[in-house]
Amino acid sequence: MTSLRRPPRLAPGARVAVVAPSGPVPEERLQSGLDVLRGWDLDPVVAPHVLDRHGTFDYLAGTDADRAADLQAAWCDPSVDAVLCARGGYGAQRMADLLDWEAMRAAGPKVFVGFSDITALHEAFATRLGLVTLHGPMAAGADFIKNARAQEHLKATLFAPETVRTIVSGATSLVPGRARGVTLGGSVSLLAAELGTPHARRSAHGGLLCLEDVGEVAYRLDRCLTQLLRAGWLDGVRGVLLGSWEACGPYERLRPLFADRLGGLGVPVVEDFGFGHCEGALTVPFGTAAELDAEAGTLTLDEPALR
């Protein structure tokens, strides 16, 4: 696995588009997130269908076609420097095949931010655009608009990425050691669901795999990890970073599961790394070469996430 292209960093006054590829967005939270972005001297613009709700499937932010059109229009707009997802939920997989990836590739690299259901788009941006993306807080996320650490780490990554080349989490090692590889990952349930789809990479070979999830109890996480193992998707992975497991049950029950399913890989595994569905979530770039030190709880990027 090789490093991907790095988009340009943001500067004061940059125009950022907010899109909703997945679930419906609460208007009040969106406005709070826009206020944060304006406070960073950014110029946020909201895509036309961000506040839509699908007429039949109310867990979707509008129709698949409209959500895809919003993302594609924002990405292909030369005045837009970054595309930020408003929230996760569900729906990114439904619209990913409606995007014109050739047109998006021709539009050139820019910053893309999101997590959770956006895992499906992180995979697609890597395989179809060859682009570094940011697994980080979303514009209308409650964990973003209320938490200073989440805001400041994302802001530093966007404007001064050299200041956060080493991500210090305070994490502990489940399996000690150091490893080098290229970062990738996201929601483990989405990675399992992506297997065999047009935009999924064939394996995590050579990667430092970041895993987290929300609302998945132990047996369902077991099923997802077992599926990835049986499919050979974890063959050759260099190291594993475990993030947050919000509403997945007591961590005391999950820790033995992770040791059982991941310990046999023979690679360093670090737990509680502080990304995902958690308070003060850190921003982790995907597609960058880095070194994991499981005992120190650090991830050190070879280069800043953005150029």
Protein backbone atom coordinates (compact mmCIF):
# COMPACT_ATOMS: atom_id res chain seq x y z
CA MET A 1 0.00 0.00 0.00
CA THR A 2 1.42 3.39 -0.99
CA SER A 3 0.68 6.89 0.24
CA LEU A 4 -2.03 8.84 -1.56
CA ARG A 5 -2.05 12.41 -2.93
CA ARG A 6 -2.30 15.11 -0.28
CA PRO A 7 -4.77 17.96 -0.86
CA PRO A 8 -3.75 21.56 -0.17
CA ARG A 9 -4.25 22.88 3.35
CA LEU A 10 -6.83 25.57 4.01
CA ALA A 11 -6.13 29.26 4.50
CA PRO A 12 -8.29 31.96 6.10
CA GLY A 13 -11.19 32.82 3.83
CA ALA A 14 -11.32 29.37 2.23
CA ARG A 15 -14.71 28.30 0.93
CA VAL A 16 -15.96 25.00 2.36
CA ALA A 17 -19.06 23.13 1.24
CA VAL A 18 -21.20 21.20 3.71
CA VAL A 19 -22.98 18.14 2.29
CA ALA A 20 -25.18 15.36 3.72
CA PRO A 21 -24.40 12.04 1.98
CA SER A 22 -26.13 9.95 4.66
CA GLY A 23 -28.74 10.71 7.31
CA PRO A 24 -30.99 13.75 7.87
CA VAL A 25 -29.41 16.76 9.54
CA PRO A 26 -30.88 18.67 12.51
CA GLU A 27 -31.04 22.33 11.44
CA GLU A 28 -30.09 23.71 14.85
CA ARG A 29 -26.93 21.59 15.01
CA LEU A 30 -26.05 22.55 11.46
CA GLN A 31 -26.28 26.25 12.29
CA SER A 32 -24.07 25.74 15.36
CA GLY A 33 -21.48 23.96 13.24
CA LEU A 34 -21.54 26.70 10.62
CA ASP A 35 -20.92 29.25 13.38
CA VAL A 36 -17.81 27.30 14.43
CA LEU A 37 -16.52 27.26 10.86
CA ARG A 38 -17.16 30.99 10.44
CA GLY A 39 -15.25 31.54 13.67
CA TRP A 40 -12.27 29.94 11.96
CA ASP A 41 -12.54 32.57 9.20
CA LEU A 42 -13.88 30.02 6.74
CA ASP A 43 -16.70 30.68 4.27
CA PRO A 44 -19.12 27.74 4.63
CA VAL A 45 -21.77 27.11 1.98
CA VAL A 46 -24.57 24.61 2.49
CA ALA A 47 -25.45 22.27 -0.37
CA PRO A 48 -29.07 22.54 -1.58
CA HIS A 49 -30.36 19.25 -0.13
CA VAL A 50 -28.57 19.13 3.24
CA LEU A 51 -31.77 19.66 5.22
CA ASP A 52 -33.89 17.32 3.09
CA ARG A 53 -35.52 14.16 4.43
CA HIS A 54 -36.49 11.27 2.18
CA GLY A 55 -40.25 10.97 1.75
CA THR A 56 -40.33 7.20 2.30
CA PHE A 57 -37.07 6.36 4.08
CA ASP A 58 -36.83 9.00 6.77
CA TYR A 59 -33.35 7.82 7.79
CA LEU A 60 -31.97 9.38 4.58
CA ALA A 61 -31.20 13.05 3.94
CA GLY A 62 -33.22 13.22 0.75
CA THR A 63 -33.06 11.01 -2.32
CA ASP A 64 -29.94 9.15 -3.37
CA ALA A 65 -29.76 11.22 -6.55
CA ASP A 66 -29.99 14.53 -4.69
CA ARG A 67 -27.38 13.55 -2.10
CA ALA A 68 -25.01 12.43 -4.83
CA ALA A 69 -25.64 15.59 -6.86
CA ASP A 70 -24.82 17.77 -3.85
CA LEU A 71 -21.52 16.01 -3.24
CA GLN A 72 -20.50 15.99 -6.88
CA ALA A 73 -21.42 19.64 -7.44
CA ALA A 74 -19.50 20.72 -4.35
CA TRP A 75 -16.46 18.68 -5.31
CA CYS A 76 -16.42 19.92 -8.89
CA ASP A 77 -16.96 23.58 -7.96
CA PRO A 78 -13.56 25.26 -8.47
CA SER A 79 -14.37 27.87 -5.81
CA VAL A 80 -14.71 25.18 -3.10
CA ASP A 81 -11.53 24.24 -1.21
CA ALA A 82 -12.96 21.55 1.08
CA VAL A 83 -16.05 19.36 1.41
CA LEU A 84 -17.23 18.63 4.94
CA CYS A 85 -19.90 16.08 5.72
CA ALA A 86 -22.68 17.28 8.01
CA ARG A 87 -23.28 13.95 9.76
CA GLY A 88 -23.22 10.17 9.33
CA GLY A 89 -26.11 7.80 9.93
CA TYR A 90 -26.74 5.68 6.85
CA GLY A 91 -26.93 6.24 3.11
CA ALA A 92 -23.44 6.84 1.69
CA GLN A 93 -23.33 3.39 0.11
CA ARG A 94 -26.65 4.01 -1.66
CA MET A 95 -25.36 7.06 -3.51
CA ALA A 96 -21.67 6.20 -4.10
CA ASP A 97 -22.34 4.54 -7.46
CA LEU A 98 -24.25 7.61 -8.69
CA LEU A 99 -21.16 9.83 -8.54
CA ASP A 100 -19.19 10.65 -11.69
CA TRP A 101 -15.77 9.68 -10.40
CA GLU A 102 -14.00 10.71 -13.59
CA ALA A 103 -15.40 14.24 -13.30
CA MET A 104 -14.44 14.34 -9.63
CA ARG A 105 -10.92 13.19 -10.42
CA ALA A 106 -10.64 15.90 -13.06
CA ALA A 107 -11.69 18.52 -10.51
CA GLY A 108 -8.41 17.99 -8.67
CA PRO A 109 -7.60 17.29 -5.03
CA LYS A 110 -9.33 19.03 -2.15
CA VAL A 111 -10.01 18.31 1.50
CA PHE A 112 -12.72 15.81 2.43
CA VAL A 113 -13.82 15.30 6.06
CA GLY A 114 -16.20 12.85 7.72
CA PHE A 115 -16.47 9.57 9.62
CA SER A 116 -18.91 6.82 10.62
CA ASP A 117 -21.13 6.04 7.59
CA ILE A 118 -18.71 8.20 5.57
CA THR A 119 -16.30 5.23 5.79
CA ALA A 120 -17.77 4.07 2.47
CA LEU A 121 -16.71 7.36 0.86
CA HIS A 122 -13.24 7.27 2.43
CA GLU A 123 -12.78 3.93 0.68
CA ALA A 124 -14.10 5.31 -2.61
CA PHE A 125 -11.97 8.46 -2.46
CA ALA A 126 -8.91 6.28 -1.90
CA THR A 127 -9.60 3.78 -4.68
CA ARG A 128 -11.15 6.09 -7.27
CA LEU A 129 -9.39 9.42 -6.60
CA GLY A 130 -6.17 8.25 -4.91
CA LEU A 131 -6.65 10.98 -2.35
CA VAL A 132 -5.81 11.48 1.32
CA THR A 133 -9.00 12.13 3.33
CA LEU A 134 -9.62 13.12 6.94
CA HIS A 135 -11.47 10.86 9.37
CA GLY A 136 -12.70 13.61 11.62
CA PRO A 137 -15.61 15.45 13.23
CA MET A 138 -18.55 16.49 11.07
CA ALA A 139 -20.06 19.94 10.76
CA ALA A 140 -23.40 19.15 12.41
CA GLY A 141 -22.09 16.55 14.84
CA ALA A 142 -22.98 17.07 18.50
CA ASP A 143 -19.53 15.78 19.43
CA PHE A 144 -17.98 18.54 17.30
CA ILE A 145 -20.03 21.63 18.11
CA LYS A 146 -19.72 21.09 21.87
CA ASN A 147 -16.11 19.95 22.25
CA ALA A 148 -13.06 22.20 22.13
CA ARG A 149 -10.51 19.38 21.68
CA ALA A 150 -12.31 17.99 18.64
CA GLN A 151 -12.56 21.47 17.15
CA GLU A 152 -8.96 22.43 17.79
CA HIS A 153 -7.47 19.19 16.45
CA LEU A 154 -9.49 19.42 13.25
CA LYS A 155 -8.66 23.11 12.88
CA ALA A 156 -4.94 22.44 13.32
CA THR A 157 -5.09 19.61 10.77
CA LEU A 158 -6.81 21.87 8.24
CA PHE A 159 -4.71 25.03 8.67
CA ALA A 160 -1.37 23.94 10.17
CA PRO A 161 -1.03 20.18 9.60
CA GLU A 162 2.67 20.17 10.43
CA THR A 163 1.74 20.93 14.07
CA VAL A 164 -0.15 17.63 14.40
CA ARG A 165 2.17 15.26 12.57
CA THR A 166 2.40 13.23 15.75
CA ILE A 167 -1.02 12.31 17.08
CA VAL A 168 -0.74 11.65 20.81
CA SER A 169 -3.72 9.76 22.16
CA GLY A 170 -2.77 8.54 25.60
CA ALA A 171 -3.83 5.09 24.37
CA THR A 172 -2.65 1.77 25.77
CA SER A 173 -1.30 -1.23 23.91
CA LEU A 174 -3.31 -4.40 23.55
CA VAL A 175 -0.41 -5.93 21.62
CA PRO A 176 2.84 -3.98 22.05
CA GLY A 177 5.26 -2.99 19.32
CA ARG A 178 5.94 -0.54 16.53
CA ALA A 179 4.81 -0.70 12.93
CA ARG A 180 4.97 1.33 9.75
CA GLY A 181 2.26 1.51 7.11
CA VAL A 182 -0.35 3.65 5.39
CA THR A 183 -3.39 4.70 7.39
CA LEU A 184 -6.89 3.56 6.43
CA GLY A 185 -10.08 2.34 8.05
CA GLY A 186 -13.19 3.71 9.73
CA SER A 187 -16.34 2.01 10.97
CA VAL A 188 -15.71 -1.74 11.16
CA SER A 189 -19.32 -2.55 10.22
CA LEU A 190 -19.01 -0.41 7.07
CA LEU A 191 -15.67 -1.94 6.12
CA ALA A 192 -17.26 -5.38 6.36
CA ALA A 193 -20.32 -4.22 4.40
CA GLU A 194 -18.07 -2.77 1.67
CA LEU A 195 -16.43 -6.11 0.85
CA GLY A 196 -16.96 -6.96 -2.81
CA THR A 197 -18.34 -3.54 -3.77
CA PRO A 198 -16.92 -1.51 -6.68
CA HIS A 199 -15.03 1.02 -4.55
CA ALA A 200 -13.63 -1.19 -1.77
CA ARG A 201 -9.93 -1.91 -1.73
CA ARG A 202 -9.03 -5.58 -1.95
CA SER A 203 -7.24 -5.73 1.39
CA ALA A 204 -5.60 -3.75 4.17
CA HIS A 205 -2.19 -5.17 3.22
CA GLY A 206 0.56 -2.74 4.23
CA GLY A 207 -1.84 -0.60 6.23
CA LEU A 208 -2.22 0.81 9.70
CA LEU A 209 -5.89 0.01 10.17
CA CYS A 210 -8.04 2.36 12.26
CA LEU A 211 -11.24 0.75 13.57
CA GLU A 212 -14.18 2.12 15.55
CA ASP A 213 -17.96 1.84 15.64
CA VAL A 214 -21.15 2.84 17.41
CA GLY A 215 -24.16 0.84 18.59
CA GLU A 216 -22.70 -2.56 17.63
CA VAL A 217 -22.77 -5.09 20.48
CA ALA A 218 -20.02 -7.66 20.95
CA TYR A 219 -21.40 -10.47 18.79
CA ARG A 220 -21.99 -8.12 15.84
CA LEU A 221 -18.45 -6.73 16.11
CA ASP A 222 -17.23 -10.34 16.29
CA ARG A 223 -19.16 -11.08 13.08
CA CYS A 224 -17.68 -8.07 11.26
CA LEU A 225 -14.11 -8.84 12.32
CA THR A 226 -14.55 -12.52 11.50
CA GLN A 227 -15.87 -11.63 8.06
CA LEU A 228 -12.84 -9.42 7.39
CA LEU A 229 -10.53 -12.20 8.58
CA ARG A 230 -12.22 -14.93 6.55
CA ALA A 231 -12.22 -12.76 3.43
CA GLY A 232 -8.46 -12.30 3.76
CA TRP A 233 -8.96 -8.55 3.98
CA LEU A 234 -6.71 -8.30 7.06
CA ASP A 235 -3.86 -10.31 5.51
CA GLY A 236 -0.66 -8.29 5.61
CA VAL A 237 -1.98 -5.48 7.79
CA ARG A 238 0.93 -3.83 9.67
CA GLY A 239 -0.84 -2.54 12.79
CA VAL A 240 -4.28 -1.81 14.23
CA LEU A 241 -5.56 1.29 16.04
CA LEU A 242 -8.80 0.86 17.98
CA GLY A 243 -10.84 4.01 18.51
CA SER A 244 -14.13 4.47 20.35
CA TRP A 245 -16.91 1.91 20.81
CA GLU A 246 -19.80 4.12 21.87
CA ALA A 247 -22.97 2.20 22.82
CA CYS A 248 -21.25 -1.12 22.02
CA GLY A 249 -21.45 -2.40 25.58
CA PRO A 250 -18.90 -2.39 28.42
CA TYR A 251 -15.37 -2.26 27.07
CA GLU A 252 -14.43 -5.05 29.48
CA ARG A 253 -16.49 -7.34 27.23
CA LEU A 254 -14.99 -6.00 24.01
CA ARG A 255 -11.33 -6.15 24.99
CA PRO A 256 -11.17 -9.99 25.02
CA LEU A 257 -12.95 -10.01 21.65
CA PHE A 258 -10.36 -7.71 20.09
CA ALA A 259 -7.53 -9.75 21.60
CA ASP A 260 -9.10 -12.94 20.21
CA ARG A 261 -9.85 -11.66 16.70
CA LEU A 262 -6.86 -9.33 16.20
CA GLY A 263 -4.16 -10.74 18.46
CA GLY A 264 -3.40 -13.55 16.03
CA LEU A 265 -2.39 -11.10 13.32
CA GLY A 266 1.01 -10.75 14.94
CA VAL A 267 1.04 -6.97 14.68
CA PRO A 268 0.89 -4.12 17.22
CA VAL A 269 -2.62 -3.24 18.40
CA VAL A 270 -3.38 -0.07 20.35
CA GLU A 271 -6.69 0.57 22.09
CA ASP A 272 -8.61 3.70 23.09
CA PHE A 273 -6.86 5.88 20.52
CA GLY A 274 -9.48 8.62 20.77
CA PHE A 275 -11.03 8.81 17.29
CA GLY A 276 -14.58 8.08 16.20
CA HIS A 277 -17.84 8.44 18.15
CA CYS A 278 -16.32 9.89 21.30
CA GLU A 279 -15.96 13.15 23.12
CA GLY A 280 -12.99 15.15 21.85
CA ALA A 281 -12.48 12.92 18.83
CA LEU A 282 -9.11 13.30 17.13
CA THR A 283 -8.79 13.82 13.38
CA VAL A 284 -6.85 11.00 11.69
CA PRO A 285 -5.78 11.30 8.04
CA PHE A 286 -6.30 8.25 5.83
CA GLY A 287 -3.83 7.52 3.06
CA THR A 288 -0.65 8.78 4.73
CA ALA A 289 2.48 6.79 5.59
CA ALA A 290 3.02 6.73 9.34
CA GLU A 291 4.55 4.89 12.29
CA LEU A 292 2.49 3.46 15.11
CA ASP A 293 4.06 3.10 18.55
CA ALA A 294 1.53 1.03 20.47
CA GLU A 295 3.23 1.38 23.85
CA ALA A 296 3.62 5.16 23.57
CA GLY A 297 0.13 5.53 22.11
CA THR A 298 1.34 7.68 19.21
CA LEU A 299 0.86 7.79 15.45
CA THR A 300 3.56 9.79 13.66
CA LEU A 301 2.94 10.81 10.06
CA ASP A 302 5.85 10.86 7.63
CA GLU A 303 4.48 14.11 6.19
CA PRO A 304 1.76 16.52 7.23
CA ALA A 305 -1.69 15.28 6.18
CA LEU A 306 -2.18 18.28 3.86
CA ARG A 307 0.45 20.02 1.77
